[in-house]
Protein backbone atom coordinates (compact mmCIF):
# COMPACT_ATOMS: atom_id res chain seq x y z
CA TYR A 1 114.74 98.80 101.29
CA ARG A 2 116.76 96.33 101.96
CA ALA A 3 114.33 93.40 100.29
CA THR A 4 113.69 95.54 97.27
CA SER A 5 117.42 96.10 96.69
CA GLU A 6 118.04 92.43 96.87
CA PHE A 7 115.46 91.91 94.60
CA ASN A 8 116.75 94.49 92.07
CA LEU A 9 120.11 92.64 92.49
CA PHE A 10 118.27 89.39 91.50
CA VAL A 11 116.79 90.92 88.63
CA GLY A 12 119.77 92.24 87.17
CA ALA A 13 121.59 89.26 87.46
CA ARG A 14 119.11 86.94 86.03
CA VAL A 15 118.09 89.24 83.19
CA VAL A 16 121.39 89.21 81.27
CA HIS A 17 121.16 85.55 80.91
CA LEU A 18 117.51 85.52 79.34
CA PRO A 19 117.10 85.34 75.42
CA ARG A 20 117.59 88.46 73.18
CA HIS A 21 113.80 88.13 72.13
CA VAL A 22 112.38 87.52 75.68
CA LYS A 23 115.13 90.34 77.33
CA GLU A 24 113.39 92.91 75.19
CA VAL A 25 110.19 92.50 76.69
CA TYR A 26 110.02 90.76 79.86
CA GLY A 27 113.58 91.69 81.02
CA ARG A 28 112.68 95.31 80.31
CA LEU A 29 109.59 95.05 82.42
CA LEU A 30 110.91 93.21 85.41
CA VAL A 31 113.88 95.57 85.35
CA GLN A 32 111.18 98.70 85.53
CA GLU A 33 109.14 96.76 88.37
CA ALA A 34 112.14 96.22 90.33
CA LEU A 35 113.45 99.82 90.23
CA CYS A 36 110.06 101.28 90.67
CA MET A 37 109.62 99.05 93.86
CA GLN A 38 112.63 100.91 95.25
CA VAL A 39 111.13 104.29 94.55
CA VAL A 40 107.95 103.54 96.11
CA VAL A 41 109.39 102.12 99.32
CA ARG A 42 111.39 105.60 99.33
CA HIS A 43 108.03 107.54 99.06
CA ALA A 44 106.85 105.37 101.61
CA ASN A 45 109.30 105.91 104.16
CA ILE A 46 108.96 109.71 103.50
CA ALA A 47 105.12 109.61 104.14
CA ARG A 48 103.82 109.93 107.49
CA GLY A 49 101.06 107.77 109.27
CA ALA A 50 98.07 106.73 107.09
CA ASP A 51 99.69 108.29 104.04
CA LYS A 52 101.87 105.29 103.61
CA ILE A 53 99.09 103.30 102.69
CA VAL A 54 98.86 104.22 99.37
CA HIS A 55 102.42 103.62 98.54
CA LEU A 56 102.23 100.38 100.26
CA GLU A 57 99.34 99.28 98.00
CA GLN A 58 101.35 100.34 94.96
CA LEU A 59 104.43 98.39 96.39
CA LEU A 60 101.85 95.47 96.79
CA ASP A 61 101.01 95.95 92.95
CA LEU A 62 104.43 95.89 91.68
CA VAL A 63 105.09 92.68 93.78
CA GLU A 64 102.20 90.86 92.20
CA SER A 65 103.24 91.88 88.74
CA SER A 66 106.82 91.04 89.32
CA ARG A 67 105.67 87.57 90.30
CA SER A 68 103.52 87.14 87.35
CA ILE A 69 106.34 87.94 85.01
CA LEU A 70 108.63 85.57 86.83
CA ARG A 71 106.04 82.99 86.68
CA THR A 72 105.91 83.51 83.33
CA LEU A 73 109.49 83.27 82.45
CA TRP A 74 109.84 80.00 84.63
CA HIS A 75 106.44 78.60 82.96
CA HIS A 76 108.31 79.04 79.47
CA ARG A 77 111.75 77.80 80.68
CA TRP A 78 113.48 81.26 79.98
CA LEU A 79 114.18 81.56 83.91
CA SER A 80 115.86 78.24 85.52
CA HIS A 81 114.02 76.43 88.25
CA ALA A 82 117.03 77.40 90.70
CA ALA A 83 116.29 81.14 89.74
CA TRP A 84 112.63 80.81 89.98
CA GLY A 85 113.34 79.26 93.60
CA GLU A 86 115.64 81.85 94.56
CA SER A 87 113.09 84.67 93.52
CA LEU A 88 110.10 83.45 95.67
CA PRO A 89 111.61 84.29 99.32
CA LEU A 90 112.71 87.93 97.98
CA ILE A 91 109.11 88.48 96.59
CA VAL A 92 107.37 87.00 99.65
CA SER A 93 109.58 88.96 101.92
CA ILE A 94 108.64 92.34 100.30
CA GLY A 95 105.03 91.31 99.99
CA LYS A 96 104.81 90.32 103.82
CA GLN A 97 106.27 93.45 104.85
CA ALA A 98 104.30 95.82 102.88
CA THR A 99 101.25 93.88 104.30
CA ALA A 100 102.16 93.98 107.62
CA LEU A 101 103.09 97.83 107.29
CA ARG A 102 99.70 98.47 105.42
CA ASN A 103 97.75 96.77 108.20
CA HIS A 104 99.75 98.57 111.13
CA PHE A 105 99.03 101.98 109.32
CA ALA A 106 95.38 101.55 108.29
CA PRO A 107 93.01 103.49 110.11
CA GLU A 108 90.96 102.17 112.99
CA PRO A 109 87.57 101.33 112.05
CA ALA A 110 84.76 103.50 113.43
CA PRO A 111 83.14 102.63 116.47
CA ALA A 112 79.45 101.07 115.85
CA ALA A 113 76.93 103.35 117.00
């Protein structure tokens, strides 16, 4: 939850500096993705056992879409290199935690007969 909260703060601080025409599209999408991440983490925390996997997969999808939006902003130079570099550890941290939890709660494969 902490990593998604930090990412949300990062997004809020960066979106306000985007050009107006970019902010309306990409900024809105990025804010929505960041907020959804926190909601999905809450749902994953509430779920028990293997029921967490669905939420963790959804979180990984949100991480990937956020990374794509940030990459697009950086590629078009609407996001500074420093901000791009600051975003990477946040995104990677969320992705690693979600992947590790997904692997932990994944059901054991059935033994071969």
